[in-house]
Amino acid sequence: MILLLVLVVGLSCSRNESDPAPDPKPVAADTADHLHPTEQVDTSEFEVTDSLIKLRNDAFPRPGGKVVNVMITGVDSRLGDNTRHADANHLVRFFVDSGAIEIISIPRDTYADAGFDDTTGLNKLTNVRANRGRREYLNAVSEITGVEPIHHYVEFGFSQAIGLLELMGYKGNAATTLRVLRARQTYRAGDFQRSYNQGRFIRRVLLTNIQRTDDLMADMALRAALMLVETDLTYEVCSDLLRSMRTNGFTNDPSRAWVRLEPPVVMRVQELSFSSDEIAALNAQIDERVAKLGLDSVRVTSASYEHRLDELIASAARDSARSPRQVIRKLKRPYEQRAWLQVTDTARRKRYRDRIGTLMSAAYTTVGDKPSADRVRNYLRTEEEVIEGK
């Protein structure tokens, strides 16, 4: 279940369809309060405070022994779009022999060769995944962090993130929590603070839930989580990793997990608790900031999102009798995105899910691809049983 916890929070900054487009410019150097390199941070205590801390990479633990490196990527992909920008980047290192976890959080605008001329300003990590594919993206992460090999990957978008958080029990405030974790405009340190927040949230969930991972429902949730995302991890790999980490001492001890930023920076960052009260307060601050910046003018509403979803489904339905391959072409990506999970009304969400699933499974059956049809039906059953709790 450890991997489930990581999956849940890694998605937390994938962008919602209703959010403004990301700022294409890199984070400016003066957005952070830089410190003199000789100033040290006390890493003996990782408890959350409401103050600023001095973050310095060379003060963190360096455990040895066997390590499993898992890249968690929150992708920005519009409804039905195959282009995937890497907007949340967290390399989670499971030090199996030491029973410790290191989370390396990488701001999306970190320089990396995305295949563009340097004069364009487009050579950023976020664009490597979109322009050069997953393999080159993972290579870029290794170059930035100095960590190789990266053994496994996990990718997901906003709708999948909603499902994962609901699996963890965030049924009432999943969207708000994601919004807070994606926000950067409200912080002096901008995207550095946002990346650090995401890493800290991953750490919090891991430490909070480590003792709740050995029952039947947790086992079912792990299986459902792996079905929600794109990953090369298997249930067996996750289960073995969980058992090994617990055997070797990973507990809710705060010293067992830490977060650092790459590339190395020395700056003041805010430490947040991510309690429900704090999330509500931060969300209110975001509302105030968004209104001040006038960003609401470019918002896409939930109604307009559902309208686009309706149009996609209606178009595929018209093709269902004469061209099942067109049905698959039109609905495969929305199905992979679990696009219906972004619909907040549960009754409408279920109708979208069942309609997409029915059209997809029928189309696969008609073209003779029974394994794909079975996978679609199996996923829909699992979501109903586990996420909806039926």
Protein backbone atom coordinates (compact mmCIF):
# COMPACT_ATOMS: atom_id res chain seq x y z
CA MET A 1 0.00 0.00 0.00
CA ILE A 2 3.01 2.34 0.28
CA LEU A 3 2.98 2.67 -3.47
CA LEU A 4 -0.70 3.57 -3.35
CA LEU A 5 0.08 6.42 -0.98
CA VAL A 6 2.79 7.68 -3.29
CA LEU A 7 0.53 7.38 -6.29
CA VAL A 8 -2.17 9.36 -4.55
CA VAL A 9 -0.09 12.39 -3.78
CA GLY A 10 2.18 12.46 -6.74
CA LEU A 11 -0.83 13.42 -8.88
CA SER A 12 -1.72 16.29 -6.68
CA CYS A 13 -0.55 19.03 -8.98
CA SER A 14 -1.83 17.81 -12.30
CA ARG A 15 -3.82 20.67 -13.83
CA ASN A 16 -7.60 20.66 -13.93
CA GLU A 17 -9.42 21.35 -17.18
CA SER A 18 -11.01 24.33 -15.43
CA ASP A 19 -7.69 25.93 -14.47
CA PRO A 20 -5.83 28.61 -16.40
CA ALA A 21 -3.05 27.52 -18.73
CA PRO A 22 0.34 27.32 -16.99
CA ASP A 23 2.70 30.26 -17.13
CA PRO A 24 5.19 29.37 -19.91
CA LYS A 25 7.97 31.45 -18.41
CA PRO A 26 10.58 29.89 -16.09
CA VAL A 27 10.56 30.80 -12.43
CA ALA A 28 12.63 33.93 -11.99
CA ALA A 29 15.75 33.77 -9.83
CA ASP A 30 14.47 36.50 -7.53
CA THR A 31 11.30 34.63 -6.56
CA ALA A 32 13.14 32.94 -3.68
CA ASP A 33 14.86 34.33 -0.62
CA HIS A 34 18.31 32.80 -1.14
CA LEU A 35 20.63 32.18 1.79
CA HIS A 36 24.36 32.13 2.12
CA PRO A 37 25.68 28.61 1.27
CA THR A 38 27.27 28.21 4.70
CA GLU A 39 23.95 28.42 6.53
CA GLN A 40 22.81 24.98 7.66
CA VAL A 41 19.39 23.48 8.27
CA ASP A 42 18.83 21.23 11.26
CA THR A 43 17.60 17.95 9.74
CA SER A 44 17.22 16.10 13.03
CA GLU A 45 13.59 17.24 13.18
CA PHE A 46 11.15 17.20 10.29
CA GLU A 47 7.97 18.14 12.14
CA VAL A 48 5.69 20.59 10.36
CA THR A 49 5.80 24.17 11.63
CA ASP A 50 4.18 27.41 10.57
CA SER A 51 7.50 29.15 10.05
CA LEU A 52 10.02 29.42 7.25
CA ILE A 53 12.93 26.98 7.23
CA LYS A 54 16.30 27.05 5.54
CA LEU A 55 16.39 24.26 2.97
CA ARG A 56 19.82 22.90 2.13
CA ASN A 57 20.34 19.66 0.22
CA ASP A 58 23.71 18.62 1.62
CA ALA A 59 22.28 18.31 5.13
CA PHE A 60 19.93 15.41 4.34
CA PRO A 61 20.61 11.73 5.17
CA ARG A 62 22.41 9.52 2.66
CA PRO A 63 21.33 5.94 3.40
CA GLY A 64 22.91 3.02 1.60
CA GLY A 65 21.94 -0.48 0.56
CA LYS A 66 19.27 -1.58 -1.89
CA VAL A 67 17.16 1.21 -3.34
CA VAL A 68 14.11 1.19 -5.63
CA ASN A 69 13.58 4.43 -7.59
CA VAL A 70 10.03 5.26 -8.72
CA MET A 71 9.27 8.34 -10.84
CA ILE A 72 5.89 9.87 -10.03
CA THR A 73 4.66 12.26 -12.74
CA GLY A 74 1.53 14.36 -12.76
CA VAL A 75 0.82 15.08 -16.42
CA ASP A 76 -1.05 17.99 -17.93
CA SER A 77 -3.19 16.51 -20.67
CA ARG A 78 -6.41 18.12 -21.91
CA LEU A 79 -9.54 16.04 -22.37
CA GLY A 80 -8.84 13.51 -25.12
CA ASP A 81 -5.38 14.95 -25.84
CA ASN A 82 -2.36 12.64 -26.12
CA THR A 83 0.17 15.42 -25.48
CA ARG A 84 1.46 15.16 -21.93
CA HIS A 85 3.44 17.86 -20.17
CA ALA A 86 5.18 16.81 -16.95
CA ASP A 87 3.87 19.36 -14.48
CA ALA A 88 4.53 17.43 -11.25
CA ASN A 89 7.85 15.62 -10.92
CA HIS A 90 8.75 13.57 -7.86
CA LEU A 91 11.41 10.85 -7.75
CA VAL A 92 10.59 8.64 -4.77
CA ARG A 93 13.53 6.57 -3.53
CA PHE A 94 12.69 3.55 -1.38
CA PHE A 95 15.84 2.67 0.59
CA VAL A 96 14.76 -0.89 1.29
CA ASP A 97 17.67 -2.00 3.48
CA SER A 98 17.48 1.18 5.58
CA GLY A 99 13.69 1.40 5.83
CA ALA A 100 13.77 5.03 4.68
CA ILE A 101 12.25 7.11 1.89
CA GLU A 102 13.67 10.12 0.09
CA ILE A 103 11.43 12.28 -2.10
CA ILE A 104 13.25 14.40 -4.68
CA SER A 105 10.92 17.10 -5.98
CA ILE A 106 11.82 18.81 -9.26
CA PRO A 107 10.19 22.08 -10.40
CA ARG A 108 8.62 21.70 -13.84
CA ASP A 109 10.59 24.59 -15.38
CA THR A 110 13.97 23.05 -14.54
CA TYR A 111 16.26 23.24 -17.57
CA ALA A 112 16.35 20.08 -19.69
CA ASP A 113 16.86 19.48 -23.41
CA ALA A 114 13.36 19.19 -24.84
CA GLY A 115 14.60 19.37 -28.45
CA PHE A 116 14.14 23.10 -28.98
CA ASP A 117 16.57 25.87 -29.75
CA ASP A 118 17.74 27.44 -26.49
CA THR A 119 16.59 30.85 -27.68
CA THR A 120 12.95 29.68 -27.48
CA GLY A 121 12.97 29.23 -23.70
CA LEU A 122 11.14 25.91 -24.15
CA ASN A 123 13.89 23.57 -22.98
CA LYS A 124 12.27 22.64 -19.67
CA LEU A 125 11.57 19.34 -17.98
CA THR A 126 7.82 19.80 -18.40
CA ASN A 127 8.29 19.89 -22.19
CA VAL A 128 10.64 16.89 -22.41
CA ARG A 129 7.81 14.46 -21.63
CA ALA A 130 5.54 16.15 -24.19
CA ASN A 131 8.06 16.58 -26.99
CA ARG A 132 10.47 13.66 -26.58
CA GLY A 133 8.50 10.94 -24.80
CA ARG A 134 8.73 9.05 -21.54
CA ARG A 135 12.15 7.44 -22.03
CA GLU A 136 13.90 10.74 -22.72
CA TYR A 137 11.98 12.32 -19.87
CA LEU A 138 13.25 9.69 -17.43
CA ASN A 139 16.77 10.16 -18.79
CA ALA A 140 16.44 13.90 -18.16
CA VAL A 141 15.32 13.25 -14.57
CA SER A 142 18.35 11.02 -14.03
CA GLU A 143 20.62 13.76 -15.37
CA ILE A 144 19.06 16.40 -13.11
CA THR A 145 19.08 14.28 -9.94
CA GLY A 146 22.16 12.15 -10.53
CA VAL A 147 20.03 9.08 -9.78
CA GLU A 148 20.02 6.06 -12.07
CA PRO A 149 18.51 3.79 -12.94
CA ILE A 150 14.90 4.79 -12.49
CA HIS A 151 13.28 1.41 -11.99
CA HIS A 152 9.60 2.25 -12.39
CA TYR A 153 7.30 5.05 -13.53
CA VAL A 154 3.80 6.17 -12.57
CA GLU A 155 1.86 8.77 -14.60
CA PHE A 156 -1.60 10.24 -14.22
CA GLY A 157 -3.68 13.32 -14.94
CA PHE A 158 -6.20 15.34 -12.97
CA SER A 159 -9.21 13.02 -13.27
CA GLN A 160 -7.13 10.04 -12.20
CA ALA A 161 -5.86 12.12 -9.30
CA ILE A 162 -9.40 12.66 -8.09
CA GLY A 163 -10.00 8.92 -8.11
CA LEU A 164 -6.79 8.19 -6.23
CA LEU A 165 -7.53 10.75 -3.53
CA GLU A 166 -11.04 9.39 -3.15
CA LEU A 167 -9.52 5.96 -2.65
CA MET A 168 -7.61 7.48 0.26
CA GLY A 169 -10.77 8.91 1.79
CA TYR A 170 -10.66 12.47 0.44
CA LYS A 171 -14.20 12.21 -0.88
CA GLY A 172 -15.34 15.63 0.29
CA ASN A 173 -12.33 17.81 -0.47
CA ALA A 174 -10.23 16.05 -3.10
CA ALA A 175 -10.50 18.86 -5.65
CA THR A 176 -9.73 21.55 -3.07
CA THR A 177 -6.70 19.64 -1.81
CA LEU A 178 -5.40 19.25 -5.35
CA ARG A 179 -5.92 22.92 -6.05
CA VAL A 180 -3.90 23.92 -3.00
CA LEU A 181 -1.09 21.57 -3.92
CA ARG A 182 -0.96 22.90 -7.48
CA ALA A 183 -0.95 26.56 -6.48
CA ARG A 184 2.19 28.64 -6.91
CA GLN A 185 0.96 32.25 -7.27
CA THR A 186 0.36 32.68 -3.53
CA TYR A 187 3.95 31.86 -2.53
CA ARG A 188 7.02 34.05 -2.61
CA ALA A 189 9.14 31.07 -3.73
CA GLY A 190 6.71 30.25 -6.56
CA ASP A 191 7.22 26.87 -8.21
CA PHE A 192 9.98 25.92 -5.76
CA GLN A 193 7.49 26.19 -2.90
CA ARG A 194 4.83 24.33 -4.87
CA SER A 195 7.18 21.44 -5.64
CA TYR A 196 8.27 21.31 -2.01
CA ASN A 197 4.64 21.34 -0.85
CA GLN A 198 3.85 18.37 -3.06
CA GLY A 199 6.82 16.42 -1.74
CA ARG A 200 5.90 17.22 1.84
CA PHE A 201 2.34 16.09 1.24
CA ILE A 202 3.60 12.79 -0.14
CA ARG A 203 5.71 12.40 2.98
CA ARG A 204 2.80 13.27 5.27
CA VAL A 205 0.49 10.71 3.69
CA LEU A 206 3.16 8.01 3.83
CA LEU A 207 3.95 8.61 7.49
CA THR A 208 0.31 8.96 8.48
CA ASN A 209 -0.92 5.82 6.73
CA ILE A 210 1.96 3.38 7.10
CA GLN A 211 0.16 1.52 9.88
CA ARG A 212 -3.07 1.22 7.85
CA THR A 213 -1.81 -0.85 4.97
CA ASP A 214 -2.34 -4.48 5.90
CA ASP A 215 -6.07 -5.14 5.62
CA LEU A 216 -8.31 -6.39 2.82
CA MET A 217 -9.63 -2.97 1.83
CA ALA A 218 -6.09 -1.63 1.53
CA ASP A 219 -5.25 -4.56 -0.73
CA MET A 220 -8.26 -3.84 -2.93
CA ALA A 221 -7.43 -0.13 -3.01
CA LEU A 222 -3.88 -0.87 -4.17
CA ARG A 223 -5.21 -2.98 -7.02
CA ALA A 224 -7.65 -0.24 -7.97
CA ALA A 225 -4.95 2.45 -7.79
CA LEU A 226 -2.71 0.51 -10.17
CA MET A 227 -5.63 0.25 -12.60
CA LEU A 228 -6.24 4.00 -12.41
CA VAL A 229 -2.77 5.09 -13.53
CA GLU A 230 -0.26 4.38 -16.27
CA THR A 231 2.59 2.44 -14.73
CA ASP A 232 4.95 -0.48 -15.18
CA LEU A 233 4.51 -1.42 -11.52
CA THR A 234 2.64 -4.62 -10.74
CA TYR A 235 0.67 -5.59 -7.68
CA GLU A 236 3.35 -8.16 -6.79
CA VAL A 237 6.18 -5.61 -7.00
CA CYS A 238 4.26 -3.15 -4.80
CA SER A 239 3.38 -5.79 -2.23
CA ASP A 240 6.95 -7.08 -2.01
CA LEU A 241 8.29 -3.55 -1.65
CA LEU A 242 5.80 -2.78 1.11
CA ARG A 243 6.70 -5.91 3.06
CA SER A 244 10.43 -5.22 2.74
CA MET A 245 10.09 -1.60 3.87
CA ARG A 246 8.06 -2.57 6.93
CA THR A 247 10.42 -5.41 7.79
CA ASN A 248 13.39 -3.06 7.69
CA GLY A 249 11.86 -0.48 9.99
CA PHE A 250 9.87 2.05 7.97
CA THR A 251 7.33 3.46 10.41
CA ASN A 252 5.62 6.75 11.13
CA ASP A 253 8.89 8.09 12.58
CA PRO A 254 9.43 11.49 10.84
CA SER A 255 13.15 10.82 10.47
CA ARG A 256 12.37 7.92 8.13
CA ALA A 257 11.23 10.17 5.25
CA TRP A 258 12.43 13.52 3.94
CA VAL A 259 12.01 15.85 0.99
CA ARG A 260 14.64 17.72 -0.97
CA LEU A 261 14.62 19.81 -4.12
CA GLU A 262 16.63 19.29 -7.28
CA PRO A 263 18.46 21.08 -8.75
CA PRO A 264 20.07 21.99 -5.41
CA VAL A 265 18.84 25.28 -3.97
CA VAL A 266 19.37 27.09 -0.73
CA MET A 267 16.29 29.09 0.12
CA ARG A 268 13.61 29.80 2.65
CA VAL A 269 10.52 27.68 2.13
CA GLN A 270 7.34 27.52 4.15
CA GLU A 271 6.44 24.34 6.00
CA LEU A 272 2.73 23.57 5.91
CA SER A 273 0.70 21.06 7.91
CA PHE A 274 -1.95 20.38 5.23
CA SER A 275 -4.58 19.99 7.92
CA SER A 276 -8.16 20.45 6.75
CA ASP A 277 -8.30 23.91 8.32
CA GLU A 278 -5.05 24.96 6.68
CA ILE A 279 -6.15 23.64 3.29
CA ALA A 280 -9.37 25.66 3.57
CA ALA A 281 -7.43 28.79 4.52
CA LEU A 282 -4.95 28.35 1.69
CA ASN A 283 -7.78 27.78 -0.77
CA ALA A 284 -9.34 31.08 0.32
CA GLN A 285 -5.99 32.80 -0.24
CA ILE A 286 -5.81 31.31 -3.71
CA ASP A 287 -9.31 32.61 -4.48
CA GLU A 288 -8.24 36.09 -3.43
CA ARG A 289 -5.05 35.95 -5.47
CA VAL A 290 -6.74 34.53 -8.57
CA ALA A 291 -9.38 37.27 -8.44
CA LYS A 292 -6.69 39.93 -8.05
CA LEU A 293 -4.80 38.60 -11.07
CA GLY A 294 -7.97 38.37 -13.15
CA LEU A 295 -7.45 34.70 -13.94
CA ASP A 296 -11.14 33.84 -13.68
CA SER A 297 -11.63 35.28 -17.17
CA VAL A 298 -9.94 32.22 -18.68
CA ARG A 299 -11.57 29.57 -16.54
CA VAL A 300 -13.37 26.66 -18.09
CA THR A 301 -16.38 25.77 -15.96
CA SER A 302 -17.54 22.32 -14.89
CA ALA A 303 -20.54 22.78 -17.17
CA SER A 304 -18.36 23.45 -20.21
CA TYR A 305 -16.17 20.45 -19.36
CA GLU A 306 -19.21 18.19 -19.23
CA HIS A 307 -20.45 19.71 -22.48
CA ARG A 308 -17.22 18.65 -24.19
CA LEU A 309 -17.53 15.20 -22.66
CA ASP A 310 -21.12 14.95 -23.93
CA GLU A 311 -19.99 15.89 -27.43
CA LEU A 312 -17.23 13.27 -27.44
CA ILE A 313 -19.59 10.52 -26.30
CA ALA A 314 -22.32 11.53 -28.74
CA SER A 315 -19.87 11.55 -31.64
CA ALA A 316 -18.56 8.09 -30.69
CA ALA A 317 -22.12 6.77 -30.31
CA ARG A 318 -22.95 7.86 -33.86
CA ASP A 319 -19.96 5.84 -35.07
CA SER A 320 -20.73 2.74 -33.02
CA ALA A 321 -22.86 0.98 -35.65
CA ARG A 322 -20.68 1.54 -38.69
CA SER A 323 -17.15 2.16 -37.42
CA PRO A 324 -16.14 0.61 -34.08
CA ARG A 325 -12.50 1.58 -34.69
CA GLN A 326 -13.58 5.22 -34.75
CA VAL A 327 -15.25 4.70 -31.38
CA ILE A 328 -11.97 3.40 -29.99
CA ARG A 329 -10.00 6.25 -31.56
CA LYS A 330 -12.29 8.90 -30.07
CA LEU A 331 -12.78 7.43 -26.61
CA LYS A 332 -9.53 5.61 -25.86
CA ARG A 333 -7.74 8.66 -24.46
CA PRO A 334 -10.72 9.93 -22.38
CA TYR A 335 -11.08 6.37 -21.05
CA GLU A 336 -7.35 6.24 -20.16
CA GLN A 337 -7.73 9.62 -18.43
CA ARG A 338 -10.76 8.33 -16.50
CA ALA A 339 -12.29 11.63 -17.60
CA TRP A 340 -15.61 11.05 -15.80
CA LEU A 341 -13.88 11.23 -12.39
CA GLN A 342 -13.60 14.98 -12.82
CA VAL A 343 -17.40 15.24 -12.71
CA THR A 344 -18.36 16.06 -9.14
CA ASP A 345 -22.01 14.98 -9.24
CA THR A 346 -21.89 11.25 -8.52
CA ALA A 347 -24.96 10.30 -10.55
CA ARG A 348 -23.73 12.13 -13.65
CA ARG A 349 -20.24 10.78 -13.14
CA LYS A 350 -21.56 7.21 -13.13
CA ARG A 351 -23.58 7.83 -16.33
CA TYR A 352 -20.50 9.16 -18.14
CA ARG A 353 -18.40 6.24 -16.95
CA ASP A 354 -20.93 3.59 -17.91
CA ARG A 355 -21.57 5.16 -21.32
CA ILE A 356 -17.89 5.39 -22.19
CA GLY A 357 -17.23 1.90 -20.85
CA THR A 358 -20.16 0.36 -22.74
CA LEU A 359 -19.14 1.97 -26.04
CA MET A 360 -15.49 0.98 -25.60
CA SER A 361 -16.10 -2.62 -24.59
CA ALA A 362 -18.63 -3.12 -27.42
CA ALA A 363 -16.23 -1.61 -29.97
CA TYR A 364 -13.35 -3.82 -28.81
CA THR A 365 -15.60 -6.89 -28.98
CA THR A 366 -16.73 -6.01 -32.51
CA VAL A 367 -13.15 -5.67 -33.80
CA GLY A 368 -12.18 -8.98 -32.17
CA ASP A 369 -10.10 -7.58 -29.30
CA LYS A 370 -11.66 -9.53 -26.44
CA PRO A 371 -8.77 -8.96 -23.95
CA SER A 372 -9.20 -5.17 -24.21
CA ALA A 373 -12.97 -5.48 -23.86
CA ASP A 374 -12.52 -7.62 -20.74
CA ARG A 375 -10.04 -5.11 -19.26
CA VAL A 376 -12.53 -2.27 -19.70
CA ARG A 377 -15.35 -4.21 -18.04
CA ASN A 378 -13.07 -5.36 -15.23
CA TYR A 379 -11.93 -1.82 -14.51
CA LEU A 380 -15.50 -0.48 -14.39
CA ARG A 381 -16.47 -3.20 -11.91
CA THR A 382 -13.43 -2.46 -9.75
CA GLU A 383 -14.10 1.28 -9.69
CA GLU A 384 -17.70 0.72 -8.64
CA GLU A 385 -16.71 -1.70 -5.90
CA VAL A 386 -13.72 0.14 -4.47
CA ILE A 387 -13.96 3.86 -5.22
CA GLU A 388 -17.73 4.01 -4.85
CA GLY A 389 -17.61 1.51 -2.00
CA LYS A 390 -20.36 -0.74 -3.37
